[in-house]
Amino acid sequence: MDVDLFPDIVKKWGLSFMIQHGEDARRPQSGSLFWAGLANTYYWIDPSRDVSGVILMQVLPFADHKCLDAFAAFERGVYASLDEGKRAALMGWLCHLSSW
């Protein structure tokens, strides 16, 4: 199965990954690196946020819709936890300042 994981986003290719060159609210920052393997194995590296992720499902056929949904949910969850961590750190800092 042929699939475009990131339609409407400018992409280029490196030696071992696809490089995102466009901004999109659904995707990590421009400059992120991605790859997909035949058995629905995916990874991404986001140098701007200093985060990466790997999900290995070992399911055929390639680009199975349930696997793509799982990958998207996993990626969203990672970014949500990063954002939540930043909020928690900020609230902790504000509480610390208010105790002075």
PDB file of N, CA and C in Angstrom:
ATOM      1  N   MET A   1       0.839  -1.176   0.000  1.00  0.00           N
ATOM      2  CA  MET A   1       0.000   0.000   0.000  1.00  0.00           C
ATOM      3  C   MET A   1       0.883   1.238   0.000  1.00  0.00           C
ATOM      4  N   ASP A   2       0.527   2.181  -0.804  1.00  0.00           N
ATOM      5  CA  ASP A   2       1.240   3.455  -0.834  1.00  0.00           C
ATOM      6  C   ASP A   2       0.518   4.418   0.097  1.00  0.00           C
ATOM      7  N   VAL A   3       1.266   5.207   0.828  1.00  0.00           N
ATOM      8  CA  VAL A   3       0.655   6.135   1.773  1.00  0.00           C
ATOM      9  C   VAL A   3       1.473   7.419   1.835  1.00  0.00           C
ATOM     10  N   ASP A   4       0.796   8.523   1.987  1.00  0.00           N
ATOM     11  CA  ASP A   4       1.443   9.798   2.256  1.00  0.00           C
ATOM     12  C   ASP A   4       1.099  10.144   3.703  1.00  0.00           C
ATOM     13  N   LEU A   5       2.037   9.925   4.619  1.00  0.00           N
ATOM     14  CA  LEU A   5       1.774  10.142   6.033  1.00  0.00           C
ATOM     15  C   LEU A   5       1.498  11.601   6.362  1.00  0.00           C
ATOM     16  N   PHE A   6       2.002  12.507   5.547  1.00  0.00           N
ATOM     17  CA  PHE A   6       1.865  13.931   5.827  1.00  0.00           C
ATOM     18  C   PHE A   6       1.438  14.674   4.565  1.00  0.00           C
ATOM     19  N   PRO A   7       0.192  14.490   4.149  1.00  0.00           N
ATOM     20  CA  PRO A   7      -0.254  15.189   2.942  1.00  0.00           C
ATOM     21  C   PRO A   7      -0.243  16.693   3.149  1.00  0.00           C
ATOM     22  N   ASP A   8      -0.023  17.414   2.079  1.00  0.00           N
ATOM     23  CA  ASP A   8      -0.033  18.878   2.097  1.00  0.00           C
ATOM     24  C   ASP A   8       1.093  19.498   2.915  1.00  0.00           C
ATOM     25  N   ILE A   9       2.126  18.728   3.245  1.00  0.00           N
ATOM     26  CA  ILE A   9       3.294  19.260   3.941  1.00  0.00           C
ATOM     27  C   ILE A   9       4.501  19.024   3.037  1.00  0.00           C
ATOM     28  N   VAL A  10       5.335  20.040   2.885  1.00  0.00           N
ATOM     29  CA  VAL A  10       6.542  19.909   2.066  1.00  0.00           C
ATOM     30  C   VAL A  10       7.495  18.938   2.752  1.00  0.00           C
ATOM     31  N   LYS A  11       7.963  17.943   1.993  1.00  0.00           N
ATOM     32  CA  LYS A  11       8.852  16.916   2.529  1.00  0.00           C
ATOM     33  C   LYS A  11      10.065  16.761   1.620  1.00  0.00           C
ATOM     34  N   LYS A  12      11.172  16.394   2.225  1.00  0.00           N
ATOM     35  CA  LYS A  12      12.375  16.045   1.487  1.00  0.00           C
ATOM     36  C   LYS A  12      12.890  14.735   2.065  1.00  0.00           C
ATOM     37  N   TRP A  13      13.923  14.187   1.451  1.00  0.00           N
ATOM     38  CA  TRP A  13      14.425  12.892   1.882  1.00  0.00           C
ATOM     39  C   TRP A  13      15.889  12.969   2.275  1.00  0.00           C
ATOM     40  N   GLY A  14      16.240  12.307   3.384  1.00  0.00           N
ATOM     41  CA  GLY A  14      17.610  12.130   3.807  1.00  0.00           C
ATOM     42  C   GLY A  14      18.024  10.700   3.502  1.00  0.00           C
ATOM     43  N   LEU A  15      19.159  10.271   4.011  1.00  0.00           N
ATOM     44  CA  LEU A  15      19.626   8.911   3.751  1.00  0.00           C
ATOM     45  C   LEU A  15      18.782   7.857   4.459  1.00  0.00           C
ATOM     46  N   SER A  16      18.220   8.186   5.601  1.00  0.00           N
ATOM     47  CA  SER A  16      17.454   7.169   6.330  1.00  0.00           C
ATOM     48  C   SER A  16      16.146   7.696   6.900  1.00  0.00           C
ATOM     49  N   PHE A  17      15.660   8.809   6.388  1.00  0.00           N
ATOM     50  CA  PHE A  17      14.395   9.332   6.885  1.00  0.00           C
ATOM     51  C   PHE A  17      13.825  10.382   5.948  1.00  0.00           C
ATOM     52  N   MET A  18      12.543  10.678   6.179  1.00  0.00           N
ATOM     53  CA  MET A  18      11.872  11.773   5.497  1.00  0.00           C
ATOM     54  C   MET A  18      12.036  13.006   6.382  1.00  0.00           C
ATOM     55  N   ILE A  19      12.264  14.147   5.771  1.00  0.00           N
ATOM     56  CA  ILE A  19      12.455  15.385   6.512  1.00  0.00           C
ATOM     57  C   ILE A  19      11.277  16.315   6.232  1.00  0.00           C
ATOM     58  N   GLN A  20      10.594  16.713   7.280  1.00  0.00           N
ATOM     59  CA  GLN A  20       9.469  17.621   7.132  1.00  0.00           C
ATOM     60  C   GLN A  20       9.989  19.049   6.965  1.00  0.00           C
ATOM     61  N   HIS A  21       9.554  19.726   5.909  1.00  0.00           N
ATOM     62  CA  HIS A  21       9.980  21.104   5.661  1.00  0.00           C
ATOM     63  C   HIS A  21       8.820  22.074   5.653  1.00  0.00           C
ATOM     64  N   GLY A  22       7.706  21.694   6.232  1.00  0.00           N
ATOM     65  CA  GLY A  22       6.554  22.578   6.272  1.00  0.00           C
ATOM     66  C   GLY A  22       5.922  22.568   7.644  1.00  0.00           C
ATOM     67  N   GLU A  23       5.262  23.654   7.995  1.00  0.00           N
ATOM     68  CA  GLU A  23       4.573  23.756   9.270  1.00  0.00           C
ATOM     69  C   GLU A  23       3.145  23.240   9.128  1.00  0.00           C
ATOM     70  N   ASP A  24       2.654  22.591  10.161  1.00  0.00           N
ATOM     71  CA  ASP A  24       1.288  22.099  10.182  1.00  0.00           C
ATOM     72  C   ASP A  24       0.909  21.898  11.643  1.00  0.00           C
ATOM     73  N   ALA A  25      -0.283  22.316  12.024  1.00  0.00           N
ATOM     74  CA  ALA A  25      -0.711  22.214  13.421  1.00  0.00           C
ATOM     75  C   ALA A  25      -0.766  20.774  13.918  1.00  0.00           C
ATOM     76  N   ARG A  26      -0.957  19.815  13.008  1.00  0.00           N
ATOM     77  CA  ARG A  26      -1.083  18.411  13.414  1.00  0.00           C
ATOM     78  C   ARG A  26       0.260  17.719  13.569  1.00  0.00           C
ATOM     79  N   ARG A  27       1.335  18.330  13.097  1.00  0.00           N
ATOM     80  CA  ARG A  27       2.637  17.676  13.060  1.00  0.00           C
ATOM     81  C   ARG A  27       3.637  18.421  13.922  1.00  0.00           C
ATOM     82  N   PRO A  28       4.711  17.758  14.300  1.00  0.00           N
ATOM     83  CA  PRO A  28       5.804  18.447  14.993  1.00  0.00           C
ATOM     84  C   PRO A  28       6.408  19.540  14.109  1.00  0.00           C
ATOM     85  N   GLN A  29       7.365  20.212  14.644  1.00  0.00           N
ATOM     86  CA  GLN A  29       7.975  21.355  13.969  1.00  0.00           C
ATOM     87  C   GLN A  29       8.681  20.970  12.678  1.00  0.00           C
ATOM     88  N   SER A  30       8.821  21.958  11.809  1.00  0.00           N
ATOM     89  CA  SER A  30       9.591  21.783  10.581  1.00  0.00           C
ATOM     90  C   SER A  30      10.993  21.328  10.951  1.00  0.00           C
ATOM     91  N   GLY A  31      11.540  20.425  10.167  1.00  0.00           N
ATOM     92  CA  GLY A  31      12.858  19.863  10.454  1.00  0.00           C
ATOM     93  C   GLY A  31      12.790  18.523  11.144  1.00  0.00           C
ATOM     94  N   SER A  32      11.590  18.069  11.490  1.00  0.00           N
ATOM     95  CA  SER A  32      11.444  16.761  12.122  1.00  0.00           C
ATOM     96  C   SER A  32      11.749  15.659  11.104  1.00  0.00           C
ATOM     97  N   LEU A  33      12.211  14.536  11.610  1.00  0.00           N
ATOM     98  CA  LEU A  33      12.619  13.402  10.785  1.00  0.00           C
ATOM     99  C   LEU A  33      11.689  12.225  11.070  1.00  0.00           C
ATOM    100  N   PHE A  34      11.317  11.475  10.020  1.00  0.00           N
ATOM    101  CA  PHE A  34      10.375  10.380  10.169  1.00  0.00           C
ATOM    102  C   PHE A  34      10.813   9.192   9.321  1.00  0.00           C
ATOM    103  N   TRP A  35      10.280   8.031   9.687  1.00  0.00           N
ATOM    104  CA  TRP A  35      10.406   6.865   8.829  1.00  0.00           C
ATOM    105  C   TRP A  35       9.336   5.856   9.201  1.00  0.00           C
ATOM    106  N   ALA A  36       8.988   5.014   8.241  1.00  0.00           N
ATOM    107  CA  ALA A  36       8.018   3.949   8.451  1.00  0.00           C
ATOM    108  C   ALA A  36       8.577   2.663   7.859  1.00  0.00           C
ATOM    109  N   GLY A  37       8.375   1.558   8.576  1.00  0.00           N
ATOM    110  CA  GLY A  37       8.804   0.256   8.093  1.00  0.00           C
ATOM    111  C   GLY A  37       7.625  -0.570   7.616  1.00  0.00           C
ATOM    112  N   LEU A  38       7.893  -1.582   6.842  1.00  0.00           N
ATOM    113  CA  LEU A  38       6.873  -2.396   6.190  1.00  0.00           C
ATOM    114  C   LEU A  38       5.833  -2.953   7.156  1.00  0.00           C
ATOM    115  N   ALA A  39       6.246  -3.379   8.332  1.00  0.00           N
ATOM    116  CA  ALA A  39       5.330  -4.033   9.276  1.00  0.00           C
ATOM    117  C   ALA A  39       4.733  -3.025  10.267  1.00  0.00           C
ATOM    118  N   ASN A  40       4.478  -1.792   9.797  1.00  0.00           N
ATOM    119  CA  ASN A  40       3.903  -0.732  10.624  1.00  0.00           C
ATOM    120  C   ASN A  40       4.785  -0.405  11.823  1.00  0.00           C
ATOM    121  N   THR A  41       6.046  -0.190  11.527  1.00  0.00           N
ATOM    122  CA  THR A  41       7.000   0.306  12.522  1.00  0.00           C
ATOM    123  C   THR A  41       7.317   1.750  12.139  1.00  0.00           C
ATOM    124  N   TYR A  42       7.251   2.649  13.108  1.00  0.00           N
ATOM    125  CA  TYR A  42       7.405   4.079  12.824  1.00  0.00           C
ATOM    126  C   TYR A  42       8.324   4.719  13.853  1.00  0.00           C
ATOM    127  N   TYR A  43       9.059   5.745  13.417  1.00  0.00           N
ATOM    128  CA  TYR A  43       9.786   6.568  14.381  1.00  0.00           C
ATOM    129  C   TYR A  43       9.791   8.003  13.901  1.00  0.00           C
ATOM    130  N   TRP A  44      10.012   8.904  14.844  1.00  0.00           N
ATOM    131  CA  TRP A  44      10.201  10.311  14.503  1.00  0.00           C
ATOM    132  C   TRP A  44      11.213  10.912  15.462  1.00  0.00           C
ATOM    133  N   ILE A  45      11.918  11.921  14.986  1.00  0.00           N
ATOM    134  CA  ILE A  45      12.886  12.683  15.769  1.00  0.00           C
ATOM    135  C   ILE A  45      12.551  14.154  15.554  1.00  0.00           C
ATOM    136  N   ASP A  46      12.349  14.873  16.632  1.00  0.00           N
ATOM    137  CA  ASP A  46      12.030  16.293  16.566  1.00  0.00           C
ATOM    138  C   ASP A  46      13.145  17.064  17.262  1.00  0.00           C
ATOM    139  N   PRO A  47      14.171  17.494  16.511  1.00  0.00           N
ATOM    140  CA  PRO A  47      15.306  18.184  17.134  1.00  0.00           C
ATOM    141  C   PRO A  47      14.920  19.497  17.815  1.00  0.00           C
ATOM    142  N   SER A  48      13.889  20.171  17.330  1.00  0.00           N
ATOM    143  CA  SER A  48      13.517  21.457  17.916  1.00  0.00           C
ATOM    144  C   SER A  48      12.925  21.294  19.319  1.00  0.00           C
ATOM    145  N   ARG A  49      12.289  20.156  19.591  1.00  0.00           N
ATOM    146  CA  ARG A  49      11.712  19.912  20.920  1.00  0.00           C
ATOM    147  C   ARG A  49      12.547  18.911  21.722  1.00  0.00           C
ATOM    148  N   ASP A  50      13.629  18.408  21.119  1.00  0.00           N
ATOM    149  CA  ASP A  50      14.513  17.442  21.765  1.00  0.00           C
ATOM    150  C   ASP A  50      13.742  16.201  22.228  1.00  0.00           C
ATOM    151  N   VAL A  51      12.949  15.661  21.297  1.00  0.00           N
ATOM    152  CA  VAL A  51      12.143  14.484  21.615  1.00  0.00           C
ATOM    153  C   VAL A  51      12.119  13.545  20.412  1.00  0.00           C
ATOM    154  N   SER A  52      11.955  12.266  20.690  1.00  0.00           N
ATOM    155  CA  SER A  52      11.810  11.281  19.619  1.00  0.00           C
ATOM    156  C   SER A  52      10.883  10.176  20.119  1.00  0.00           C
ATOM    157  N   GLY A  53      10.412   9.363  19.201  1.00  0.00           N
ATOM    158  CA  GLY A  53       9.552   8.256  19.582  1.00  0.00           C
ATOM    159  C   GLY A  53       9.626   7.131  18.573  1.00  0.00           C
ATOM    160  N   VAL A  54       9.388   5.924  19.063  1.00  0.00           N
ATOM    161  CA  VAL A  54       9.382   4.722  18.225  1.00  0.00           C
ATOM    162  C   VAL A  54       8.174   3.884  18.622  1.00  0.00           C
ATOM    163  N   ILE A  55       7.435   3.412  17.629  1.00  0.00           N
ATOM    164  CA  ILE A  55       6.340   2.484  17.882  1.00  0.00           C
ATOM    165  C   ILE A  55       6.492   1.332  16.882  1.00  0.00           C
ATOM    166  N   LEU A  56       6.529   0.115  17.397  1.00  0.00           N
ATOM    167  CA  LEU A  56       6.768  -1.082  16.592  1.00  0.00           C
ATOM    168  C   LEU A  56       5.583  -2.026  16.760  1.00  0.00           C
ATOM    169  N   MET A  57       4.804  -2.208  15.687  1.00  0.00           N
ATOM    170  CA  MET A  57       3.577  -2.998  15.819  1.00  0.00           C
ATOM    171  C   MET A  57       3.640  -4.366  15.154  1.00  0.00           C
ATOM    172  N   GLN A  58       4.475  -4.565  14.143  1.00  0.00           N
ATOM    173  CA  GLN A  58       4.622  -5.863  13.478  1.00  0.00           C
ATOM    174  C   GLN A  58       3.299  -6.394  12.929  1.00  0.00           C
ATOM    175  N   VAL A  59       2.602  -5.546  12.171  1.00  0.00           N
ATOM    176  CA  VAL A  59       1.302  -5.882  11.594  1.00  0.00           C
ATOM    177  C   VAL A  59       1.353  -5.606  10.100  1.00  0.00           C
ATOM    178  N   LEU A  60       0.804  -6.502   9.311  1.00  0.00           N
ATOM    179  CA  LEU A  60       0.641  -6.272   7.878  1.00  0.00           C
ATOM    180  C   LEU A  60      -0.841  -6.168   7.569  1.00  0.00           C
ATOM    181  N   PRO A  61      -1.226  -5.416   6.576  1.00  0.00           N
ATOM    182  CA  PRO A  61      -0.416  -4.757   5.554  1.00  0.00           C
ATOM    183  C   PRO A  61       0.141  -3.425   6.050  1.00  0.00           C
ATOM    184  N   PHE A  62       1.126  -2.923   5.305  1.00  0.00           N
ATOM    185  CA  PHE A  62       1.712  -1.620   5.593  1.00  0.00           C
ATOM    186  C   PHE A  62       0.636  -0.544   5.559  1.00  0.00           C
ATOM    187  N   ALA A  63       0.785   0.445   6.406  1.00  0.00           N
ATOM    188  CA  ALA A  63      -0.123   1.600   6.484  1.00  0.00           C
ATOM    189  C   ALA A  63      -1.541   1.191   6.864  1.00  0.00           C
ATOM    190  N   ASP A  64      -1.648   0.156   7.692  1.00  0.00           N
ATOM    191  CA  ASP A  64      -2.938  -0.250   8.216  1.00  0.00           C
ATOM    192  C   ASP A  64      -3.552   0.941   8.968  1.00  0.00           C
ATOM    193  N   HIS A  65      -4.819   1.216   8.726  1.00  0.00           N
ATOM    194  CA  HIS A  65      -5.447   2.414   9.297  1.00  0.00           C
ATOM    195  C   HIS A  65      -5.447   2.408  10.828  1.00  0.00           C
ATOM    196  N   LYS A  66      -5.652   1.259  11.435  1.00  0.00           N
ATOM    197  CA  LYS A  66      -5.613   1.194  12.901  1.00  0.00           C
ATOM    198  C   LYS A  66      -4.201   1.467  13.424  1.00  0.00           C
ATOM    199  N   CYS A  67      -3.210   0.984  12.713  1.00  0.00           N
ATOM    200  CA  CYS A  67      -1.826   1.244  13.111  1.00  0.00           C
ATOM    201  C   CYS A  67      -1.477   2.722  12.944  1.00  0.00           C
ATOM    202  N   LEU A  68      -1.910   3.321  11.844  1.00  0.00           N
ATOM    203  CA  LEU A  68      -1.666   4.754  11.646  1.00  0.00           C
ATOM    204  C   LEU A  68      -2.360   5.574  12.724  1.00  0.00           C
ATOM    205  N   ASP A  69      -3.574   5.182  13.097  1.00  0.00           N
ATOM    206  CA  ASP A  69      -4.274   5.875  14.187  1.00  0.00           C
ATOM    207  C   ASP A  69      -3.524   5.724  15.507  1.00  0.00           C
ATOM    208  N   ALA A  70      -2.991   4.517  15.766  1.00  0.00           N
ATOM    209  CA  ALA A  70      -2.227   4.285  16.998  1.00  0.00           C
ATOM    210  C   ALA A  70      -0.958   5.135  17.018  1.00  0.00           C
ATOM    211  N   PHE A  71      -0.273   5.212  15.886  1.00  0.00           N
ATOM    212  CA  PHE A  71       0.942   6.032  15.792  1.00  0.00           C
ATOM    213  C   PHE A  71       0.613   7.500  16.049  1.00  0.00           C
ATOM    214  N   ALA A  72      -0.449   8.004  15.429  1.00  0.00           N
ATOM    215  CA  ALA A  72      -0.840   9.408  15.609  1.00  0.00           C
ATOM    216  C   ALA A  72      -1.219   9.683  17.064  1.00  0.00           C
ATOM    217  N   ALA A  73      -1.948   8.761  17.690  1.00  0.00           N
ATOM    218  CA  ALA A  73      -2.335   8.938  19.094  1.00  0.00           C
ATOM    219  C   ALA A  73      -1.114   8.902  20.006  1.00  0.00           C
ATOM    220  N   PHE A  74      -0.170   8.009  19.719  1.00  0.00           N
ATOM    221  CA  PHE A  74       1.071   7.921  20.492  1.00  0.00           C
ATOM    222  C   PHE A  74       1.846   9.230  20.404  1.00  0.00           C
ATOM    223  N   GLU A  75       1.996   9.740  19.192  1.00  0.00           N
ATOM    224  CA  GLU A  75       2.737  10.984  18.978  1.00  0.00           C
ATOM    225  C   GLU A  75       2.047  12.154  19.693  1.00  0.00           C
ATOM    226  N   ARG A  76       0.728  12.260  19.547  1.00  0.00           N
ATOM    227  CA  ARG A  76      -0.012  13.329  20.246  1.00  0.00           C
ATOM    228  C   ARG A  76       0.161  13.212  21.748  1.00  0.00           C
ATOM    229  N   GLY A  77       0.127  11.995  22.269  1.00  0.00           N
ATOM    230  CA  GLY A  77       0.290  11.776  23.710  1.00  0.00           C
ATOM    231  C   GLY A  77       1.654  12.215  24.210  1.00  0.00           C
ATOM    232  N   VAL A  78       2.688  11.935  23.428  1.00  0.00           N
ATOM    233  CA  VAL A  78       4.038  12.360  23.820  1.00  0.00           C
ATOM    234  C   VAL A  78       4.111  13.878  23.903  1.00  0.00           C
ATOM    235  N   TYR A  79       3.615  14.563  22.877  1.00  0.00           N
ATOM    236  CA  TYR A  79       3.655  16.032  22.878  1.00  0.00           C
ATOM    237  C   TYR A  79       2.760  16.610  23.974  1.00  0.00           C
ATOM    238  N   ALA A  80       1.612  15.997  24.227  1.00  0.00           N
ATOM    239  CA  ALA A  80       0.736  16.481  25.297  1.00  0.00           C
ATOM    240  C   ALA A  80       1.414  16.347  26.656  1.00  0.00           C
ATOM    241  N   SER A  81       2.135  15.237  26.867  1.00  0.00           N
ATOM    242  CA  SER A  81       2.821  15.063  28.149  1.00  0.00           C
ATOM    243  C   SER A  81       3.959  16.062  28.303  1.00  0.00           C
ATOM    244  N   LEU A  82       4.634  16.389  27.201  1.00  0.00           N
ATOM    245  CA  LEU A  82       5.676  17.417  27.263  1.00  0.00           C
ATOM    246  C   LEU A  82       5.076  18.765  27.631  1.00  0.00           C
ATOM    247  N   ASP A  83       3.966  19.109  26.985  1.00  0.00           N
ATOM    248  CA  ASP A  83       3.313  20.380  27.269  1.00  0.00           C
ATOM    249  C   ASP A  83       2.775  20.408  28.694  1.00  0.00           C
ATOM    250  N   GLU A  84       2.227  19.291  29.172  1.00  0.00           N
ATOM    251  CA  GLU A  84       1.725  19.217  30.541  1.00  0.00           C
ATOM    252  C   GLU A  84       2.861  19.356  31.540  1.00  0.00           C
ATOM    253  N   GLY A  85       4.004  18.745  31.233  1.00  0.00           N
ATOM    254  CA  GLY A  85       5.176  18.872  32.098  1.00  0.00           C
ATOM    255  C   GLY A  85       5.628  20.315  32.212  1.00  0.00           C
ATOM    256  N   LYS A  86       5.589  21.045  31.107  1.00  0.00           N
ATOM    257  CA  LYS A  86       5.967  22.454  31.137  1.00  0.00           C
ATOM    258  C   LYS A  86       4.984  23.260  31.975  1.00  0.00           C
ATOM    259  N   ARG A  87       3.685  22.968  31.834  1.00  0.00           N
ATOM    260  CA  ARG A  87       2.679  23.670  32.632  1.00  0.00           C
ATOM    261  C   ARG A  87       2.874  23.378  34.113  1.00  0.00           C
ATOM    262  N   ALA A  88       3.118  22.117  34.440  1.00  0.00           N
ATOM    263  CA  ALA A  88       3.308  21.738  35.843  1.00  0.00           C
ATOM    264  C   ALA A  88       4.555  22.416  36.416  1.00  0.00           C
ATOM    265  N   ALA A  89       5.626  22.462  35.631  1.00  0.00           N
ATOM    266  CA  ALA A  89       6.850  23.120  36.098  1.00  0.00           C
ATOM    267  C   ALA A  89       6.608  24.609  36.318  1.00  0.00           C
ATOM    268  N   LEU A  90       5.890  25.243  35.419  1.00  0.00           N
ATOM    269  CA  LEU A  90       5.583  26.664  35.557  1.00  0.00           C
ATOM    270  C   LEU A  90       4.723  26.914  36.789  1.00  0.00           C
ATOM    271  N   MET A  91       3.698  26.078  36.995  1.00  0.00           N
ATOM    272  CA  MET A  91       2.835  26.252  38.171  1.00  0.00           C
ATOM    273  C   MET A  91       3.634  26.041  39.461  1.00  0.00           C
ATOM    274  N   GLY A  92       4.513  25.057  39.457  1.00  0.00           N
ATOM    275  CA  GLY A  92       5.359  24.827  40.633  1.00  0.00           C
ATOM    276  C   GLY A  92       6.243  26.028  40.922  1.00  0.00           C
ATOM    277  N   TRP A  93       6.800  26.612  39.882  1.00  0.00           N
ATOM    278  CA  TRP A  93       7.647  27.798  40.028  1.00  0.00           C
ATOM    279  C   TRP A  93       6.833  28.988  40.537  1.00  0.00           C
ATOM    280  N   LEU A  94       5.631  29.163  39.996  1.00  0.00           N
ATOM    281  CA  LEU A  94       4.779  30.264  40.459  1.00  0.00           C
ATOM    282  C   LEU A  94       4.368  30.085  41.917  1.00  0.00           C
ATOM    283  N   CYS A  95       4.057  28.841  42.304  1.00  0.00           N
ATOM    284  CA  CYS A  95       3.721  28.580  43.704  1.00  0.00           C
ATOM    285  C   CYS A  95       4.919  28.849  44.606  1.00  0.00           C
ATOM    286  N   HIS A  96       6.080  28.476  44.139  1.00  0.00           N
ATOM    287  CA  HIS A  96       7.310  28.733  44.897  1.00  0.00           C
ATOM    288  C   HIS A  96       7.510  30.239  45.073  1.00  0.00           C
ATOM    289  N   LEU A  97       7.317  31.011  44.020  1.00  0.00           N
ATOM    290  CA  LEU A  97       7.483  32.462  44.101  1.00  0.00           C
ATOM    291  C   LEU A  97       6.448  33.089  45.030  1.00  0.00           C
ATOM    292  N   SER A  98       5.228  32.571  45.014  1.00  0.00           N
ATOM    293  CA  SER A  98       4.186  33.161  45.856  1.00  0.00           C
ATOM    294  C   SER A  98       4.419  32.895  47.329  1.00  0.00           C
ATOM    295  N   SER A  99       5.224  31.881  47.656  1.00  0.00           N
ATOM    296  CA  SER A  99       5.498  31.583  49.069  1.00  0.00           C
ATOM    297  C   SER A  99       6.567  32.507  49.643  1.00  0.00           C
ATOM    298  N   TRP A 100       7.176  33.328  48.834  1.00  0.00           N
ATOM    299  CA  TRP A 100       8.202  34.248  49.326  1.00  0.00           C
ATOM    300  C   TRP A 100       7.532  35.369  49.986  1.00  0.00           C
TER     301      TRP A 100
END
